[in-house]
Amino acid sequence: TAPENCGHYLMHNLAMAKWYAAEFAAYLEANEQNDAIFAYPRTERLV
């Protein structure tokens, strides 16, 4: 996150990143056996 390393080094939010990461990790753990989190619902385009 130094100016030499990043194109927008001031645009970071570690606290919120932690919140989103914890939320997603808890979701993954709670749904590990749920096939829906591993398989896309597909849409076909009919013409």
All heavy atoms as atom14 arrays in JSON, in Angstrom:
{
  "sequence": "TAPENCGHYLMHNLAMAKWYAAEFAAYLEANEQNDAIFAYPRTERLV",
  "atom14_mask": [
    [1, 1, 1, 1, 1, 1, 1, 0, 0, 0, 0, 0, 0, 0],
    [1, 1, 1, 1, 1, 0, 0, 0, 0, 0, 0, 0, 0, 0],
    [1, 1, 1, 1, 1, 1, 1, 0, 0, 0, 0, 0, 0, 0],
    [1, 1, 1, 1, 1, 1, 1, 1, 1, 0, 0, 0, 0, 0],
    [1, 1, 1, 1, 1, 1, 1, 1, 0, 0, 0, 0, 0, 0],
    [1, 1, 1, 1, 1, 1, 0, 0, 0, 0, 0, 0, 0, 0],
    [1, 1, 1, 1, 0, 0, 0, 0, 0, 0, 0, 0, 0, 0],
    [1, 1, 1, 1, 1, 1, 1, 1, 1, 1, 0, 0, 0, 0],
    [1, 1, 1, 1, 1, 1, 1, 1, 1, 1, 1, 1, 0, 0],
    [1, 1, 1, 1, 1, 1, 1, 1, 0, 0, 0, 0, 0, 0],
    [1, 1, 1, 1, 1, 1, 1, 1, 0, 0, 0, 0, 0, 0],
    [1, 1, 1, 1, 1, 1, 1, 1, 1, 1, 0, 0, 0, 0],
    [1, 1, 1, 1, 1, 1, 1, 1, 0, 0, 0, 0, 0, 0],
    [1, 1, 1, 1, 1, 1, 1, 1, 0, 0, 0, 0, 0, 0],
    [1, 1, 1, 1, 1, 0, 0, 0, 0, 0, 0, 0, 0, 0],
    [1, 1, 1, 1, 1, 1, 1, 1, 0, 0, 0, 0, 0, 0],
    [1, 1, 1, 1, 1, 0, 0, 0, 0, 0, 0, 0, 0, 0],
    [1, 1, 1, 1, 1, 1, 1, 1, 1, 0, 0, 0, 0, 0],
    [1, 1, 1, 1, 1, 1, 1, 1, 1, 1, 1, 1, 1, 1],
    [1, 1, 1, 1, 1, 1, 1, 1, 1, 1, 1, 1, 0, 0],
    [1, 1, 1, 1, 1, 0, 0, 0, 0, 0, 0, 0, 0, 0],
    [1, 1, 1, 1, 1, 0, 0, 0, 0, 0, 0, 0, 0, 0],
    [1, 1, 1, 1, 1, 1, 1, 1, 1, 0, 0, 0, 0, 0],
    [1, 1, 1, 1, 1, 1, 1, 1, 1, 1, 1, 0, 0, 0],
    [1, 1, 1, 1, 1, 0, 0, 0, 0, 0, 0, 0, 0, 0],
    [1, 1, 1, 1, 1, 0, 0, 0, 0, 0, 0, 0, 0, 0],
    [1, 1, 1, 1, 1, 1, 1, 1, 1, 1, 1, 1, 0, 0],
    [1, 1, 1, 1, 1, 1, 1, 1, 0, 0, 0, 0, 0, 0],
    [1, 1, 1, 1, 1, 1, 1, 1, 1, 0, 0, 0, 0, 0],
    [1, 1, 1, 1, 1, 0, 0, 0, 0, 0, 0, 0, 0, 0],
    [1, 1, 1, 1, 1, 1, 1, 1, 0, 0, 0, 0, 0, 0],
    [1, 1, 1, 1, 1, 1, 1, 1, 1, 0, 0, 0, 0, 0],
    [1, 1, 1, 1, 1, 1, 1, 1, 1, 0, 0, 0, 0, 0],
    [1, 1, 1, 1, 1, 1, 1, 1, 0, 0, 0, 0, 0, 0],
    [1, 1, 1, 1, 1, 1, 1, 1, 0, 0, 0, 0, 0, 0],
    [1, 1, 1, 1, 1, 0, 0, 0, 0, 0, 0, 0, 0, 0],
    [1, 1, 1, 1, 1, 1, 1, 1, 0, 0, 0, 0, 0, 0],
    [1, 1, 1, 1, 1, 1, 1, 1, 1, 1, 1, 0, 0, 0],
    [1, 1, 1, 1, 1, 0, 0, 0, 0, 0, 0, 0, 0, 0],
    [1, 1, 1, 1, 1, 1, 1, 1, 1, 1, 1, 1, 0, 0],
    [1, 1, 1, 1, 1, 1, 1, 0, 0, 0, 0, 0, 0, 0],
    [1, 1, 1, 1, 1, 1, 1, 1, 1, 1, 1, 0, 0, 0],
    [1, 1, 1, 1, 1, 1, 1, 0, 0, 0, 0, 0, 0, 0],
    [1, 1, 1, 1, 1, 1, 1, 1, 1, 0, 0, 0, 0, 0],
    [1, 1, 1, 1, 1, 1, 1, 1, 1, 1, 1, 0, 0, 0],
    [1, 1, 1, 1, 1, 1, 1, 1, 0, 0, 0, 0, 0, 0],
    [1, 1, 1, 1, 1, 1, 1, 0, 0, 0, 0, 0, 0, 0]
  ],
  "atom14_positions": [
    [[0.8, -1.22, 0.0], [0.0, 0.0, 0.0], [0.84, 1.27, 0.0], [0.34, 2.34, 0.35], [-0.97, 0.02, 1.2], [-0.22, -0.11, 2.41], [-2.0, -1.07, 1.08], [0.0, 0.0, 0.0], [0.0, 0.0, 0.0], [0.0, 0.0, 0.0], [0.0, 0.0, 0.0], [0.0, 0.0, 0.0], [0.0, 0.0, 0.0], [0.0, 0.0, 0.0]],
    [[2.08, 1.18, -0.42], [2.9, 2.37, -0.59], [2.65, 2.93, -2.0], [2.26, 2.19, -2.9], [4.38, 2.03, -0.41], [0.0, 0.0, 0.0], [0.0, 0.0, 0.0], [0.0, 0.0, 0.0], [0.0, 0.0, 0.0], [0.0, 0.0, 0.0], [0.0, 0.0, 0.0], [0.0, 0.0, 0.0], [0.0, 0.0, 0.0], [0.0, 0.0, 0.0]],
    [[2.88, 4.21, -2.2], [2.65, 4.79, -3.53], [3.44, 4.08, -4.64], [2.97, 4.02, -5.77], [3.1, 6.25, -3.38], [3.27, 6.51, -1.95], [3.36, 5.2, -1.24], [0.0, 0.0, 0.0], [0.0, 0.0, 0.0], [0.0, 0.0, 0.0], [0.0, 0.0, 0.0], [0.0, 0.0, 0.0], [0.0, 0.0, 0.0], [0.0, 0.0, 0.0]],
    [[4.59, 3.52, -4.3], [5.41, 2.82, -5.28], [4.82, 1.46, -5.66], [5.17, 0.91, -6.7], [6.84, 2.58, -4.75], [7.59, 3.82, -4.34], [7.24, 4.32, -2.93], [6.67, 3.56, -2.12], [7.52, 5.5, -2.66], [0.0, 0.0, 0.0], [0.0, 0.0, 0.0], [0.0, 0.0, 0.0], [0.0, 0.0, 0.0], [0.0, 0.0, 0.0]],
    [[3.94, 0.91, -4.82], [3.41, -0.43, -5.01], [1.97, -0.49, -5.5], [1.53, -1.56, -5.93], [3.46, -1.22, -3.69], [4.81, -1.23, -3.05], [4.93, -0.8, -1.92], [5.82, -1.69, -3.75], [0.0, 0.0, 0.0], [0.0, 0.0, 0.0], [0.0, 0.0, 0.0], [0.0, 0.0, 0.0], [0.0, 0.0, 0.0], [0.0, 0.0, 0.0]],
    [[1.25, 0.59, -5.43], [-0.2, 0.53, -5.65], [-0.68, 1.76, -6.41], [-0.26, 2.87, -6.11], [-0.9, 0.44, -4.29], [-2.7, 0.35, -4.38], [0.0, 0.0, 0.0], [0.0, 0.0, 0.0], [0.0, 0.0, 0.0], [0.0, 0.0, 0.0], [0.0, 0.0, 0.0], [0.0, 0.0, 0.0], [0.0, 0.0, 0.0], [0.0, 0.0, 0.0]],
    [[-1.57, 1.53, -7.36], [-2.09, 2.61, -8.19], [-3.03, 3.56, -7.47], [-3.29, 4.66, -7.95], [0.0, 0.0, 0.0], [0.0, 0.0, 0.0], [0.0, 0.0, 0.0], [0.0, 0.0, 0.0], [0.0, 0.0, 0.0], [0.0, 0.0, 0.0], [0.0, 0.0, 0.0], [0.0, 0.0, 0.0], [0.0, 0.0, 0.0], [0.0, 0.0, 0.0]],
    [[-3.56, 3.17, -6.34], [-4.42, 4.05, -5.53], [-4.21, 3.66, -4.07], [-5.09, 3.13, -3.4], [-5.88, 3.89, -5.95], [-6.77, 5.03, -5.56], [-6.45, 5.98, -4.61], [-8.0, 5.36, -6.0], [-7.44, 6.84, -4.48], [-8.39, 6.48, -5.32], [0.0, 0.0, 0.0], [0.0, 0.0, 0.0], [0.0, 0.0, 0.0], [0.0, 0.0, 0.0]],
    [[-3.0, 3.93, -3.59], [-2.56, 3.44, -2.29], [-3.35, 3.98, -1.1], [-3.34, 3.39, -0.03], [-1.06, 3.71, -2.1], [-0.71, 5.14, -1.78], [-0.44, 5.53, -0.47], [-0.65, 6.11, -2.78], [-0.11, 6.84, -0.16], [-0.33, 7.41, -2.49], [-0.06, 7.78, -1.19], [0.25, 9.06, -0.88], [0.0, 0.0, 0.0], [0.0, 0.0, 0.0]],
    [[-4.05, 5.08, -1.27], [-4.84, 5.63, -0.17], [-6.23, 5.01, -0.07], [-6.92, 5.2, 0.93], [-4.97, 7.15, -0.32], [-3.67, 7.94, -0.19], [-3.92, 9.41, -0.47], [-3.06, 7.75, 1.19], [0.0, 0.0, 0.0], [0.0, 0.0, 0.0], [0.0, 0.0, 0.0], [0.0, 0.0, 0.0], [0.0, 0.0, 0.0], [0.0, 0.0, 0.0]],
    [[-6.65, 4.27, -1.1], [-8.0, 3.7, -1.12], [-7.99, 2.28, -0.56], [-8.07, 1.29, -1.29], [-8.56, 3.7, -2.55], [-10.02, 3.29, -2.6], [-10.67, 3.16, -4.27], [-9.79, 1.74, -4.88], [0.0, 0.0, 0.0], [0.0, 0.0, 0.0], [0.0, 0.0, 0.0], [0.0, 0.0, 0.0], [0.0, 0.0, 0.0], [0.0, 0.0, 0.0]],
    [[-7.87, 2.17, 0.73], [-7.89, 0.88, 1.42], [-8.7, 1.02, 2.7], [-8.75, 2.11, 3.29], [-6.47, 0.4, 1.75], [-5.75, -0.11, 0.56], [-5.93, -1.37, 0.06], [-4.86, 0.49, -0.25], [-5.16, -1.54, -1.01], [-4.51, -0.41, -1.22], [0.0, 0.0, 0.0], [0.0, 0.0, 0.0], [0.0, 0.0, 0.0], [0.0, 0.0, 0.0]],
    [[-9.31, -0.1, 3.12], [-10.05, -0.09, 4.37], [-9.91, -1.48, 4.99], [-10.69, -2.39, 4.7], [-11.52, 0.25, 4.12], [-12.29, 0.44, 5.41], [-11.97, -0.14, 6.44], [-13.34, 1.25, 5.35], [0.0, 0.0, 0.0], [0.0, 0.0, 0.0], [0.0, 0.0, 0.0], [0.0, 0.0, 0.0], [0.0, 0.0, 0.0], [0.0, 0.0, 0.0]],
    [[-8.89, -1.64, 5.82], [-8.61, -2.93, 6.44], [-9.74, -3.38, 7.37], [-10.12, -4.55, 7.35], [-7.28, -2.89, 7.21], [-6.88, -4.16, 7.95], [-6.78, -5.36, 7.0], [-5.57, -3.95, 8.7], [0.0, 0.0, 0.0], [0.0, 0.0, 0.0], [0.0, 0.0, 0.0], [0.0, 0.0, 0.0], [0.0, 0.0, 0.0], [0.0, 0.0, 0.0]],
    [[-10.3, -2.47, 8.13], [-11.37, -2.86, 9.07], [-12.57, -3.43, 8.32], [-13.11, -4.48, 8.71], [-11.78, -1.66, 9.92], [0.0, 0.0, 0.0], [0.0, 0.0, 0.0], [0.0, 0.0, 0.0], [0.0, 0.0, 0.0], [0.0, 0.0, 0.0], [0.0, 0.0, 0.0], [0.0, 0.0, 0.0], [0.0, 0.0, 0.0], [0.0, 0.0, 0.0]],
    [[-12.97, -2.79, 7.25], [-14.11, -3.31, 6.48], [-13.73, -4.59, 5.73], [-14.56, -5.5, 5.59], [-14.63, -2.25, 5.5], [-15.45, -1.17, 6.17], [-16.88, -1.77, 7.11], [-17.84, -2.6, 5.87], [0.0, 0.0, 0.0], [0.0, 0.0, 0.0], [0.0, 0.0, 0.0], [0.0, 0.0, 0.0], [0.0, 0.0, 0.0], [0.0, 0.0, 0.0]],
    [[-12.5, -4.69, 5.26], [-12.05, -5.91, 4.6], [-12.15, -7.09, 5.57], [-12.6, -8.18, 5.19], [-10.62, -5.75, 4.09], [0.0, 0.0, 0.0], [0.0, 0.0, 0.0], [0.0, 0.0, 0.0], [0.0, 0.0, 0.0], [0.0, 0.0, 0.0], [0.0, 0.0, 0.0], [0.0, 0.0, 0.0], [0.0, 0.0, 0.0], [0.0, 0.0, 0.0]],
    [[-11.76, -6.86, 6.81], [-11.87, -7.91, 7.83], [-13.33, -8.32, 8.04], [-13.64, -9.5, 8.18], [-11.27, -7.43, 9.16], [-9.77, -7.36, 9.15], [-9.25, -6.92, 10.5], [-7.75, -6.99, 10.54], [-7.24, -7.05, 11.9], [0.0, 0.0, 0.0], [0.0, 0.0, 0.0], [0.0, 0.0, 0.0], [0.0, 0.0, 0.0], [0.0, 0.0, 0.0]],
    [[-14.21, -7.33, 8.06], [-15.63, -7.62, 8.26], [-16.18, -8.47, 7.11], [-16.83, -9.49, 7.34], [-16.41, -6.31, 8.39], [-17.84, -6.53, 8.73], [-18.37, -6.7, 9.97], [-18.92, -6.66, 7.81], [-19.74, -6.91, 9.86], [-20.1, -6.89, 8.55], [-19.01, -6.6, 6.41], [-21.35, -7.05, 7.96], [-20.26, -6.76, 5.82], [-21.4, -6.99, 6.58]],
    [[-15.92, -8.06, 5.87], [-16.4, -8.81, 4.71], [-15.79, -10.21, 4.67], [-16.48, -11.19, 4.35], [-16.08, -8.08, 3.4], [-16.96, -6.91, 3.12], [-16.44, -5.61, 3.15], [-18.31, -7.06, 2.79], [-17.23, -4.51, 2.86], [-19.11, -5.96, 2.5], [-18.57, -4.7, 2.54], [-19.36, -3.62, 2.25], [0.0, 0.0, 0.0], [0.0, 0.0, 0.0]],
    [[-14.51, -10.32, 4.98], [-13.84, -11.63, 4.95], [-14.43, -12.56, 6.0], [-14.69, -13.74, 5.72], [-12.34, -11.45, 5.17], [0.0, 0.0, 0.0], [0.0, 0.0, 0.0], [0.0, 0.0, 0.0], [0.0, 0.0, 0.0], [0.0, 0.0, 0.0], [0.0, 0.0, 0.0], [0.0, 0.0, 0.0], [0.0, 0.0, 0.0], [0.0, 0.0, 0.0]],
    [[-14.66, -12.05, 7.2], [-15.24, -12.87, 8.26], [-16.66, -13.3, 7.9], [-17.04, -14.46, 8.12], [-15.24, -12.1, 9.59], [0.0, 0.0, 0.0], [0.0, 0.0, 0.0], [0.0, 0.0, 0.0], [0.0, 0.0, 0.0], [0.0, 0.0, 0.0], [0.0, 0.0, 0.0], [0.0, 0.0, 0.0], [0.0, 0.0, 0.0], [0.0, 0.0, 0.0]],
    [[-17.43, -12.39, 7.33], [-18.8, -12.71, 6.92], [-18.79, -13.83, 5.86], [-19.56, -14.79, 5.97], [-19.48, -11.46, 6.35], [-20.88, -11.72, 5.83], [-21.46, -10.54, 5.07], [-20.81, -10.01, 4.13], [-22.6, -10.15, 5.42], [0.0, 0.0, 0.0], [0.0, 0.0, 0.0], [0.0, 0.0, 0.0], [0.0, 0.0, 0.0], [0.0, 0.0, 0.0]],
    [[-17.92, -13.71, 4.87], [-17.88, -14.71, 3.81], [-17.35, -16.05, 4.31], [-17.88, -17.11, 3.98], [-17.06, -14.21, 2.62], [-17.13, -15.1, 1.41], [-18.35, -15.38, 0.8], [-15.99, -15.67, 0.89], [-18.41, -16.2, -0.33], [-16.04, -16.49, -0.23], [-17.26, -16.76, -0.84], [0.0, 0.0, 0.0], [0.0, 0.0, 0.0], [0.0, 0.0, 0.0]],
    [[-16.31, -16.03, 5.14], [-15.77, -17.27, 5.69], [-16.82, -18.0, 6.53], [-16.98, -19.22, 6.41], [-14.52, -16.98, 6.53], [0.0, 0.0, 0.0], [0.0, 0.0, 0.0], [0.0, 0.0, 0.0], [0.0, 0.0, 0.0], [0.0, 0.0, 0.0], [0.0, 0.0, 0.0], [0.0, 0.0, 0.0], [0.0, 0.0, 0.0], [0.0, 0.0, 0.0]],
    [[-17.55, -17.27, 7.35], [-18.61, -17.89, 8.16], [-19.68, -18.48, 7.25], [-20.2, -19.58, 7.52], [-19.21, -16.86, 9.12], [0.0, 0.0, 0.0], [0.0, 0.0, 0.0], [0.0, 0.0, 0.0], [0.0, 0.0, 0.0], [0.0, 0.0, 0.0], [0.0, 0.0, 0.0], [0.0, 0.0, 0.0], [0.0, 0.0, 0.0], [0.0, 0.0, 0.0]],
    [[-20.03, -17.78, 6.19], [-21.02, -18.28, 5.22], [-20.52, -19.58, 4.57], [-21.27, -20.55, 4.45], [-21.28, -17.21, 4.16], [-22.16, -17.69, 3.04], [-23.55, -17.64, 3.14], [-21.61, -18.21, 1.87], [-24.36, -18.08, 2.1], [-22.41, -18.66, 0.84], [-23.78, -18.59, 0.96], [-24.58, -19.05, -0.06], [0.0, 0.0, 0.0], [0.0, 0.0, 0.0]],
    [[-19.26, -19.59, 4.14], [-18.71, -20.8, 3.52], [-18.76, -21.97, 4.5], [-19.15, -23.08, 4.13], [-17.27, -20.57, 3.06], [-17.06, -19.7, 1.84], [-15.56, -19.52, 1.57], [-17.76, -20.27, 0.61], [0.0, 0.0, 0.0], [0.0, 0.0, 0.0], [0.0, 0.0, 0.0], [0.0, 0.0, 0.0], [0.0, 0.0, 0.0], [0.0, 0.0, 0.0]],
    [[-18.38, -21.74, 5.74], [-18.39, -22.81, 6.74], [-19.81, -23.32, 6.99], [-20.03, -24.52, 7.09], [-17.76, -22.32, 8.04], [-16.26, -22.14, 7.91], [-15.62, -21.51, 9.14], [-16.29, -20.73, 9.85], [-14.44, -21.79, 9.35], [0.0, 0.0, 0.0], [0.0, 0.0, 0.0], [0.0, 0.0, 0.0], [0.0, 0.0, 0.0], [0.0, 0.0, 0.0]],
    [[-20.76, -22.42, 7.09], [-22.14, -22.81, 7.36], [-22.79, -23.55, 6.19], [-23.74, -24.29, 6.38], [-22.97, -21.57, 7.71], [0.0, 0.0, 0.0], [0.0, 0.0, 0.0], [0.0, 0.0, 0.0], [0.0, 0.0, 0.0], [0.0, 0.0, 0.0], [0.0, 0.0, 0.0], [0.0, 0.0, 0.0], [0.0, 0.0, 0.0], [0.0, 0.0, 0.0]],
    [[-22.26, -23.35, 4.99], [-22.87, -23.91, 3.78], [-22.0, -24.93, 3.08], [-22.26, -25.26, 1.92], [-23.24, -22.79, 2.81], [-24.41, -22.0, 3.3], [-25.55, -22.42, 3.13], [-24.15, -20.87, 3.94], [0.0, 0.0, 0.0], [0.0, 0.0, 0.0], [0.0, 0.0, 0.0], [0.0, 0.0, 0.0], [0.0, 0.0, 0.0], [0.0, 0.0, 0.0]],
    [[-20.99, -25.44, 3.75], [-20.04, -26.37, 3.11], [-20.73, -27.56, 2.45], [-20.29, -28.04, 1.41], [-19.03, -26.86, 4.15], [-17.97, -27.77, 3.56], [-16.94, -28.21, 4.57], [-17.07, -27.87, 5.77], [-16.0, -28.91, 4.16], [0.0, 0.0, 0.0], [0.0, 0.0, 0.0], [0.0, 0.0, 0.0], [0.0, 0.0, 0.0], [0.0, 0.0, 0.0]],
    [[-21.82, -28.03, 3.0], [-22.53, -29.19, 2.44], [-23.63, -28.81, 1.45], [-24.31, -29.68, 0.9], [-23.12, -30.04, 3.57], [-22.09, -30.56, 4.55], [-20.96, -31.33, 3.88], [-21.19, -32.16, 3.0], [-19.73, -31.04, 4.27], [0.0, 0.0, 0.0], [0.0, 0.0, 0.0], [0.0, 0.0, 0.0], [0.0, 0.0, 0.0], [0.0, 0.0, 0.0]],
    [[-23.79, -27.54, 1.19], [-24.83, -27.04, 0.3], [-24.3, -26.99, -1.14], [-23.46, -26.16, -1.46], [-25.27, -25.65, 0.77], [-26.36, -25.06, -0.08], [-26.77, -25.62, -1.09], [-26.83, -23.88, 0.33], [0.0, 0.0, 0.0], [0.0, 0.0, 0.0], [0.0, 0.0, 0.0], [0.0, 0.0, 0.0], [0.0, 0.0, 0.0], [0.0, 0.0, 0.0]],
    [[-24.8, -27.85, -1.99], [-24.33, -27.91, -3.38], [-24.53, -26.6, -4.13], [-23.8, -26.31, -5.08], [-25.05, -29.03, -4.14], [-24.61, -30.41, -3.67], [-23.51, -30.54, -3.08], [-25.38, -31.37, -3.89], [0.0, 0.0, 0.0], [0.0, 0.0, 0.0], [0.0, 0.0, 0.0], [0.0, 0.0, 0.0], [0.0, 0.0, 0.0], [0.0, 0.0, 0.0]],
    [[-25.49, -25.78, -3.71], [-25.78, -24.53, -4.42], [-24.62, -23.55, -4.37], [-24.51, -22.67, -5.23], [-27.04, -23.88, -3.84], [0.0, 0.0, 0.0], [0.0, 0.0, 0.0], [0.0, 0.0, 0.0], [0.0, 0.0, 0.0], [0.0, 0.0, 0.0], [0.0, 0.0, 0.0], [0.0, 0.0, 0.0], [0.0, 0.0, 0.0], [0.0, 0.0, 0.0]],
    [[-23.72, -23.67, -3.39], [-22.58, -22.74, -3.34], [-21.43, -23.21, -4.23], [-20.4, -22.54, -4.3], [-22.09, -22.47, -1.9], [-21.3, -23.64, -1.32], [-23.23, -22.06, -0.99], [-20.45, -23.27, -0.11], [0.0, 0.0, 0.0], [0.0, 0.0, 0.0], [0.0, 0.0, 0.0], [0.0, 0.0, 0.0], [0.0, 0.0, 0.0], [0.0, 0.0, 0.0]],
    [[-21.61, -24.32, -4.93], [-20.57, -24.84, -5.81], [-21.03, -25.02, -7.27], [-20.24, -25.43, -8.11], [-20.06, -26.2, -5.3], [-19.43, -26.12, -3.94], [-20.06, -26.66, -2.84], [-18.2, -25.5, -3.75], [-19.48, -26.61, -1.57], [-17.61, -25.43, -2.49], [-18.25, -25.99, -1.4], [0.0, 0.0, 0.0], [0.0, 0.0, 0.0], [0.0, 0.0, 0.0]],
    [[-22.29, -24.74, -7.58], [-22.81, -24.96, -8.93], [-23.65, -23.77, -9.37], [-24.61, -23.4, -8.7], [-23.64, -26.23, -8.98], [0.0, 0.0, 0.0], [0.0, 0.0, 0.0], [0.0, 0.0, 0.0], [0.0, 0.0, 0.0], [0.0, 0.0, 0.0], [0.0, 0.0, 0.0], [0.0, 0.0, 0.0], [0.0, 0.0, 0.0], [0.0, 0.0, 0.0]],
    [[-23.26, -23.17, -10.48], [-23.98, -22.03, -11.04], [-25.42, -22.38, -11.41], [-25.66, -23.42, -12.02], [-23.35, -21.62, -12.35], [-22.27, -20.58, -12.32], [-21.26, -20.61, -13.28], [-22.26, -19.53, -11.41], [-20.27, -19.65, -13.33], [-21.27, -18.57, -11.45], [-20.28, -18.63, -12.41], [-19.31, -17.68, -12.45], [0.0, 0.0, 0.0], [0.0, 0.0, 0.0]],
    [[-26.35, -21.48, -11.16], [-27.65, -21.58, -11.84], [-27.44, -21.03, -13.25], [-26.89, -19.95, -13.43], [-28.55, -20.66, -11.02], [-27.63, -19.69, -10.38], [-26.3, -20.39, -10.2], [0.0, 0.0, 0.0], [0.0, 0.0, 0.0], [0.0, 0.0, 0.0], [0.0, 0.0, 0.0], [0.0, 0.0, 0.0], [0.0, 0.0, 0.0], [0.0, 0.0, 0.0]],
    [[-27.77, -21.76, -14.26], [-27.52, -21.37, -15.66], [-28.76, -20.76, -16.3], [-29.88, -21.13, -15.97], [-27.07, -22.58, -16.49], [-25.73, -23.11, -16.08], [-24.66, -22.25, -16.66], [-23.36, -22.76, -16.26], [-22.25, -22.1, -16.48], [-22.27, -20.95, -17.08], [-21.11, -22.59, -16.1], [0.0, 0.0, 0.0], [0.0, 0.0, 0.0], [0.0, 0.0, 0.0]],
    [[-28.53, -19.88, -17.23], [-29.59, -19.3, -18.03], [-29.3, -19.63, -19.48], [-28.18, -19.43, -19.95], [-29.65, -17.77, -17.85], [-29.93, -17.51, -16.5], [-30.7, -17.15, -18.73], [0.0, 0.0, 0.0], [0.0, 0.0, 0.0], [0.0, 0.0, 0.0], [0.0, 0.0, 0.0], [0.0, 0.0, 0.0], [0.0, 0.0, 0.0], [0.0, 0.0, 0.0]],
    [[-30.28, -20.14, -20.18], [-30.16, -20.4, -21.61], [-30.88, -19.29, -22.35], [-31.93, -18.83, -21.94], [-30.79, -21.76, -21.96], [-30.1, -22.93, -21.3], [-28.68, -23.14, -21.78], [-28.39, -22.9, -22.97], [-27.84, -23.54, -20.95], [0.0, 0.0, 0.0], [0.0, 0.0, 0.0], [0.0, 0.0, 0.0], [0.0, 0.0, 0.0], [0.0, 0.0, 0.0]],
    [[-30.34, -18.9, -23.45], [-30.98, -17.89, -24.28], [-31.7, -18.6, -25.41], [-31.07, -19.18, -26.29], [-29.92, -16.95, -24.83], [-30.43, -15.58, -25.13], [-29.32, -14.68, -25.56], [-29.37, -13.49, -24.75], [-28.73, -12.38, -25.04], [-27.94, -12.32, -26.07], [-28.85, -11.34, -24.27], [0.0, 0.0, 0.0], [0.0, 0.0, 0.0], [0.0, 0.0, 0.0]],
    [[-32.99, -18.59, -25.36], [-33.8, -19.21, -26.39], [-34.14, -18.17, -27.45], [-34.5, -17.04, -27.12], [-35.08, -19.79, -25.79], [-34.87, -20.8, -24.64], [-36.23, -21.21, -24.07], [-34.12, -22.01, -25.14], [0.0, 0.0, 0.0], [0.0, 0.0, 0.0], [0.0, 0.0, 0.0], [0.0, 0.0, 0.0], [0.0, 0.0, 0.0], [0.0, 0.0, 0.0]],
    [[-34.05, -18.55, -28.72], [-34.33, -17.64, -29.82], [-35.43, -18.26, -30.67], [-35.31, -19.4, -31.11], [-33.06, -17.38, -30.66], [-33.37, -16.4, -31.79], [-31.93, -16.85, -29.79], [0.0, 0.0, 0.0], [0.0, 0.0, 0.0], [0.0, 0.0, 0.0], [0.0, 0.0, 0.0], [0.0, 0.0, 0.0], [0.0, 0.0, 0.0], [0.0, 0.0, 0.0]]
  ]
}
